[in-house]
C-alpha atoms as a PDB file:
ATOM      1  CA  MET A   1      43.539  53.758  56.170  1.00  0.00           C
ATOM      2  CA  ARG A   2      44.330  54.423  52.536  1.00  0.00           C
ATOM      3  CA  SER A   3      47.882  53.072  52.906  1.00  0.00           C
ATOM      4  CA  ASN A   4      46.508  49.856  54.461  1.00  0.00           C
ATOM      5  CA  ILE A   5      44.226  49.330  51.480  1.00  0.00           C
ATOM      6  CA  SER A   6      47.014  49.995  49.016  1.00  0.00           C
ATOM      7  CA  SER A   7      49.407  47.669  50.859  1.00  0.00           C
ATOM      8  CA  ILE A   8      46.750  44.940  50.854  1.00  0.00           C
ATOM      9  CA  GLY A   9      46.256  45.570  47.140  1.00  0.00           C
ATOM     10  CA  LEU A  10      49.995  45.278  46.536  1.00  0.00           C
ATOM     11  CA  ARG A  11      50.142  42.018  48.503  1.00  0.00           C
ATOM     12  CA  LEU A  12      47.222  40.587  46.537  1.00  0.00           C
ATOM     13  CA  GLN A  13      48.884  41.656  43.284  1.00  0.00           C
ATOM     14  CA  ALA A  14      52.157  39.987  44.344  1.00  0.00           C
ATOM     15  CA  LEU A  15      50.265  36.803  45.261  1.00  0.00           C
ATOM     16  CA  SER A  16      48.406  36.936  41.943  1.00  0.00           C
ATOM     17  CA  ASP A  17      51.680  37.311  40.063  1.00  0.00           C
ATOM     18  CA  ARG A  18      53.091  34.217  41.780  1.00  0.00           C
ATOM     19  CA  ALA A  19      49.895  32.121  41.987  1.00  0.00           C
ATOM     20  CA  GLU A  20      50.656  29.799  39.109  1.00  0.00           C
ATOM     21  CA  GLY A  21      54.255  29.278  40.204  1.00  0.00           C
ATOM     22  CA  ILE A  22      53.197  28.357  43.729  1.00  0.00           C
ATOM     23  CA  LEU A  23      50.476  25.996  42.515  1.00  0.00           C
ATOM     24  CA  LEU A  24      52.797  24.400  39.959  1.00  0.00           C
ATOM     25  CA  TRP A  25      55.373  23.848  42.657  1.00  0.00           C
ATOM     26  CA  VAL A  26      52.806  22.265  45.016  1.00  0.00           C
ATOM     27  CA  PHE A  27      51.404  19.909  42.356  1.00  0.00           C
ATOM     28  CA  THR A  28      54.895  18.982  41.155  1.00  0.00           C
ATOM     29  CA  VAL A  29      55.872  17.980  44.691  1.00  0.00           C
ATOM     30  CA  LEU A  30      52.619  16.005  45.070  1.00  0.00           C
ATOM     31  CA  LEU A  31      53.193  14.262  41.734  1.00  0.00           C
ATOM     32  CA  LEU A  32      56.787  13.471  42.653  1.00  0.00           C
ATOM     33  CA  ALA A  33      55.729  12.063  46.040  1.00  0.00           C
ATOM     34  CA  ASP A  34      53.048   9.958  44.346  1.00  0.00           C
ATOM     35  CA  VAL A  35      55.482   8.553  41.784  1.00  0.00           C
ATOM     36  CA  LEU A  36      58.080   7.806  44.471  1.00  0.00           C
ATOM     37  CA  LEU A  37      55.412   6.077  46.573  1.00  0.00           C
ATOM     38  CA  GLY A  38      54.438   3.952  43.567  1.00  0.00           C
ATOM     39  CA  ILE A  39      58.064   3.010  42.874  1.00  0.00           C
ATOM     40  CA  LEU A  40      58.740   2.244  46.521  1.00  0.00           C
ATOM     41  CA  ALA A  41      55.560   0.163  46.764  1.00  0.00           C
ATOM     42  CA  ARG A  42      56.679  -1.987  43.825  1.00  0.00           C
ATOM     43  CA  TYR A  43      60.169  -2.372  45.246  1.00  0.00           C
ATOM     44  CA  VAL A  44      59.018  -3.608  48.659  1.00  0.00           C
ATOM     45  CA  ASP A  45      56.141  -5.599  47.143  1.00  0.00           C
ATOM     46  CA  PHE A  46      53.456  -3.470  48.769  1.00  0.00           C
ATOM     47  CA  GLN A  47      50.389  -2.819  46.661  1.00  0.00           C
ATOM     48  CA  VAL A  48      49.241   0.809  46.396  1.00  0.00           C
ATOM     49  CA  VAL A  49      46.116   0.848  44.262  1.00  0.00           C
ATOM     50  CA  PHE A  50      45.786   4.577  43.820  1.00  0.00           C
ATOM     51  CA  ALA A  51      49.370   5.629  42.954  1.00  0.00           C
ATOM     52  CA  ASP A  52      49.010   5.526  39.154  1.00  0.00           C
ATOM     53  CA  GLU A  53      45.509   6.981  39.200  1.00  0.00           C
ATOM     54  CA  LEU A  54      46.432   9.824  41.533  1.00  0.00           C
ATOM     55  CA  GLY A  55      49.539  10.657  39.499  1.00  0.00           C
ATOM     56  CA  LYS A  56      47.394  11.002  36.397  1.00  0.00           C
ATOM     57  CA  TYR A  57      45.130  13.540  38.079  1.00  0.00           C
ATOM     58  CA  PHE A  58      48.015  15.518  39.569  1.00  0.00           C
ATOM     59  CA  PHE A  59      49.428  15.728  36.043  1.00  0.00           C
ATOM     60  CA  ILE A  60      46.098  17.085  34.770  1.00  0.00           C
ATOM     61  CA  TRP A  61      46.199  19.792  37.464  1.00  0.00           C
ATOM     62  CA  LEU A  62      49.781  20.619  36.447  1.00  0.00           C
ATOM     63  CA  CYS A  63      48.798  20.977  32.783  1.00  0.00           C
ATOM     64  CA  ALA A  64      45.731  23.101  33.525  1.00  0.00           C
ATOM     65  CA  ILE A  65      47.712  25.508  35.709  1.00  0.00           C
ATOM     66  CA  GLY A  66      50.626  25.428  33.258  1.00  0.00           C
ATOM     67  CA  ILE A  67      48.386  26.826  30.518  1.00  0.00           C
ATOM     68  CA  SER A  68      47.713  29.838  32.716  1.00  0.00           C
ATOM     69  CA  ALA A  69      51.405  30.247  33.574  1.00  0.00           C
ATOM     70  CA  ALA A  70      52.311  30.177  29.881  1.00  0.00           C
ATOM     71  CA  THR A  71      49.598  32.736  29.179  1.00  0.00           C
ATOM     72  CA  ARG A  72      50.823  35.006  31.982  1.00  0.00           C
ATOM     73  CA  ASP A  73      54.327  34.944  30.499  1.00  0.00           C
ATOM     74  CA  ASN A  74      52.903  35.280  26.978  1.00  0.00           C
ATOM     75  CA  GLN A  75      54.440  32.000  25.886  1.00  0.00           C
ATOM     76  CA  HIS A  76      51.344  30.363  24.444  1.00  0.00           C
ATOM     77  CA  VAL A  77      51.368  29.187  20.852  1.00  0.00           C
ATOM     78  CA  ARG A  78      50.680  31.921  18.318  1.00  0.00           C
ATOM     79  CA  LEU A  79      51.549  32.438  14.724  1.00  0.00           C
ATOM     80  CA  ASN A  80      53.888  35.394  15.284  1.00  0.00           C
ATOM     81  CA  PHE A  81      55.903  34.648  12.174  1.00  0.00           C
ATOM     82  CA  ILE A  82      52.761  35.177  10.057  1.00  0.00           C
ATOM     83  CA  ALA A  83      51.543  38.148  12.089  1.00  0.00           C
ATOM     84  CA  ALA A  84      54.918  39.899  11.702  1.00  0.00           C
ATOM     85  CA  ARG A  85      54.523  39.856   7.921  1.00  0.00           C
ATOM     86  CA  LEU A  86      50.978  41.247   7.880  1.00  0.00           C
ATOM     87  CA  PRO A  87      50.534  44.917   7.024  1.00  0.00           C
ATOM     88  CA  ILE A  88      48.452  45.393  10.184  1.00  0.00           C
ATOM     89  CA  ASN A  89      49.321  47.245  13.369  1.00  0.00           C
ATOM     90  CA  PRO A  90      50.993  44.731  15.753  1.00  0.00           C
ATOM     91  CA  LYS A  91      48.796  45.995  18.575  1.00  0.00           C
ATOM     92  CA  VAL A  92      45.666  45.023  16.610  1.00  0.00           C
ATOM     93  CA  VAL A  93      47.141  41.601  15.816  1.00  0.00           C
ATOM     94  CA  ARG A  94      48.042  41.083  19.482  1.00  0.00           C
ATOM     95  CA  ILE A  95      44.595  42.036  20.758  1.00  0.00           C
ATOM     96  CA  THR A  96      42.883  39.917  18.087  1.00  0.00           C
ATOM     97  CA  SER A  97      45.073  36.942  18.978  1.00  0.00           C
ATOM     98  CA  GLN A  98      44.352  37.337  22.682  1.00  0.00           C
ATOM     99  CA  LEU A  99      40.612  37.743  22.058  1.00  0.00           C
ATOM    100  CA  LEU A 100      40.514  34.538  19.997  1.00  0.00           C
ATOM    101  CA  PHE A 101      42.373  32.678  22.729  1.00  0.00           C
ATOM    102  CA  LEU A 102      39.997  34.200  25.305  1.00  0.00           C
ATOM    103  CA  ALA A 103      36.988  32.933  23.322  1.00  0.00           C
ATOM    104  CA  PHE A 104      38.591  29.477  23.216  1.00  0.00           C
ATOM    105  CA  SER A 105      39.293  29.561  26.967  1.00  0.00           C
ATOM    106  CA  LEU A 106      35.790  30.715  27.871  1.00  0.00           C
ATOM    107  CA  PHE A 107      34.253  28.042  25.633  1.00  0.00           C
ATOM    108  CA  TYR A 108      36.241  25.317  27.371  1.00  0.00           C
ATOM    109  CA  PHE A 109      35.628  26.892  30.771  1.00  0.00           C
ATOM    110  CA  TYR A 110      31.877  26.556  30.184  1.00  0.00           C
ATOM    111  CA  TRP A 111      32.037  22.933  29.036  1.00  0.00           C
ATOM    112  CA  THR A 112      34.454  21.816  31.735  1.00  0.00           C
ATOM    113  CA  CYS A 113      32.237  23.475  34.364  1.00  0.00           C
ATOM    114  CA  ARG A 114      29.364  21.366  33.045  1.00  0.00           C
ATOM    115  CA  LEU A 115      31.523  18.235  33.208  1.00  0.00           C
ATOM    116  CA  THR A 116      32.603  18.989  36.779  1.00  0.00           C
ATOM    117  CA  TRP A 117      29.021  19.732  37.806  1.00  0.00           C
ATOM    118  CA  MET A 118      27.866  16.450  36.224  1.00  0.00           C
ATOM    119  CA  HIS A 119      30.470  14.542  38.237  1.00  0.00           C
ATOM    120  CA  PHE A 120      29.373  16.381  41.376  1.00  0.00           C
ATOM    121  CA  VAL A 121      25.671  15.670  40.851  1.00  0.00           C
ATOM    122  CA  MET A 122      26.257  12.020  39.933  1.00  0.00           C
ATOM    123  CA  ASP A 123      28.588  11.609  42.935  1.00  0.00           C
ATOM    124  CA  LYS A 124      31.056   9.903  40.633  1.00  0.00           C
ATOM    125  CA  SER A 125      34.287   8.661  42.177  1.00  0.00           C
ATOM    126  CA  VAL A 126      37.691   7.705  40.826  1.00  0.00           C
ATOM    127  CA  MET A 127      37.934   4.004  39.957  1.00  0.00           C
ATOM    128  CA  GLY A 128      41.050   3.085  41.913  1.00  0.00           C
ATOM    129  CA  PHE A 129      39.847   4.575  45.188  1.00  0.00           C
ATOM    130  CA  ARG A 130      36.730   6.231  46.585  1.00  0.00           C
ATOM    131  CA  PHE A 131      37.554   9.883  45.974  1.00  0.00           C
ATOM    132  CA  PRO A 132      35.201  12.408  44.337  1.00  0.00           C
ATOM    133  CA  MET A 133      35.917  12.747  40.611  1.00  0.00           C
ATOM    134  CA  TYR A 134      34.823  16.391  40.572  1.00  0.00           C
ATOM    135  CA  LEU A 135      37.890  17.358  42.621  1.00  0.00           C
ATOM    136  CA  PHE A 136      40.040  16.226  39.724  1.00  0.00           C
ATOM    137  CA  THR A 137      37.907  17.491  36.842  1.00  0.00           C
ATOM    138  CA  ALA A 138      37.732  20.870  38.636  1.00  0.00           C
ATOM    139  CA  ALA A 139      41.315  21.368  37.410  1.00  0.00           C
ATOM    140  CA  LEU A 140      40.034  22.153  33.931  1.00  0.00           C
ATOM    141  CA  PRO A 141      37.575  24.972  34.718  1.00  0.00           C
ATOM    142  CA  PHE A 142      40.060  26.315  37.272  1.00  0.00           C
ATOM    143  CA  GLY A 143      42.845  26.379  34.688  1.00  0.00           C
ATOM    144  CA  PHE A 144      40.693  27.927  31.968  1.00  0.00           C
ATOM    145  CA  ALA A 145      39.298  30.546  34.375  1.00  0.00           C
ATOM    146  CA  LEU A 146      42.827  31.503  35.427  1.00  0.00           C
ATOM    147  CA  THR A 147      43.905  31.579  31.782  1.00  0.00           C
ATOM    148  CA  SER A 148      40.953  33.820  30.891  1.00  0.00           C
ATOM    149  CA  LEU A 149      41.861  36.231  33.691  1.00  0.00           C
ATOM    150  CA  ARG A 150      45.471  36.373  32.458  1.00  0.00           C
ATOM    151  CA  LEU A 151      44.274  37.046  28.907  1.00  0.00           C
ATOM    152  CA  ILE A 152      41.988  39.841  30.088  1.00  0.00           C
ATOM    153  CA  GLU A 153      44.889  41.356  32.074  1.00  0.00           C
ATOM    154  CA  ASP A 154      47.077  41.287  28.961  1.00  0.00           C
ATOM    155  CA  ILE A 155      44.402  42.801  26.709  1.00  0.00           C
ATOM    156  CA  VAL A 156      43.789  45.617  29.203  1.00  0.00           C
ATOM    157  CA  SER A 157      47.529  46.222  29.497  1.00  0.00           C
ATOM    158  CA  VAL A 158      47.952  46.397  25.715  1.00  0.00           C
ATOM    159  CA  VAL A 159      45.042  48.823  25.361  1.00  0.00           C
ATOM    160  CA  LYS A 160      46.051  51.049  28.310  1.00  0.00           C
ATOM    161  CA  LYS A 161      49.799  51.213  27.758  1.00  0.00           C
ATOM    162  CA  ASN A 162      49.668  51.502  24.015  1.00  0.00           C
ATOM    163  CA  GLY A 163      51.564  48.231  23.675  1.00  0.00           C
ATOM    164  CA  PRO A 164      52.200  44.825  25.239  1.00  0.00           C
ATOM    165  CA  LYS A 165      53.531  44.368  28.770  1.00  0.00           C
ATOM    166  CA  GLN A 166      57.247  44.907  29.182  1.00  0.00           C
ATOM    167  CA  GLY A 167      59.173  41.771  28.308  1.00  0.00           C
ATOM    168  CA  SER A 168      56.058  39.930  27.176  1.00  0.00           C
ATOM    169  CA  GLU A 169      57.229  39.137  23.651  1.00  0.00           C
ATOM    170  CA  PRO A 170      59.281  35.986  23.170  1.00  0.00           C
ATOM    171  CA  GLU A 171      63.000  36.529  22.520  1.00  0.00           C
ATOM    172  CA  TRP A 172      62.932  35.043  19.028  1.00  0.00           C
ATOM    173  CA  HIS A 173      60.309  37.596  18.012  1.00  0.00           C
ATOM    174  CA  THR A 174      62.818  40.436  18.406  1.00  0.00           C
ATOM    175  CA  ILE A 175      65.523  38.843  16.224  1.00  0.00           C
ATOM    176  CA  LYS A 176      65.808  40.675  12.943  1.00  0.00           C
ATOM    177  CA  GLU A 177      66.030  38.850   9.644  1.00  0.00           C
ATOM    178  CA  ARG A 178      69.378  38.837   7.895  1.00  0.00           C
END
């Protein structure tokens, strides 16, 4: 029984580790298919009203999930060159940086949830075709929630392991000055 639970836990962890990559792949394929459909429709003089509109929303989903993927790989924008010169423990700087980014992510998660809920309540649809707008604006709270979870994972890992996750620092950060 215990081995079943641990194997399920390992499978969920493996899925969690690859979640952004899988979602990015799916939305990239959808965006590519949408763009190709739009190009083909223009070439054969067939009007597809929703191609440009749908491509825009697929791109928003890609960006929202991409923020989380960058956070998971610790590739989000930080001022490491300033932090490296501060006379403060790097662990403290790292946790402070992640906490500030977490506050930012939670703030935007809250406001994008309100936006999505407003679109749901108003039954707003996309202009080019009758499709619920909240399915597209849901990309933002989804992306910020995923980003917040990745930040919390990183903070816990830094606190528990007495340092950042293995391989989580960008390569240029390890280059010594001449």
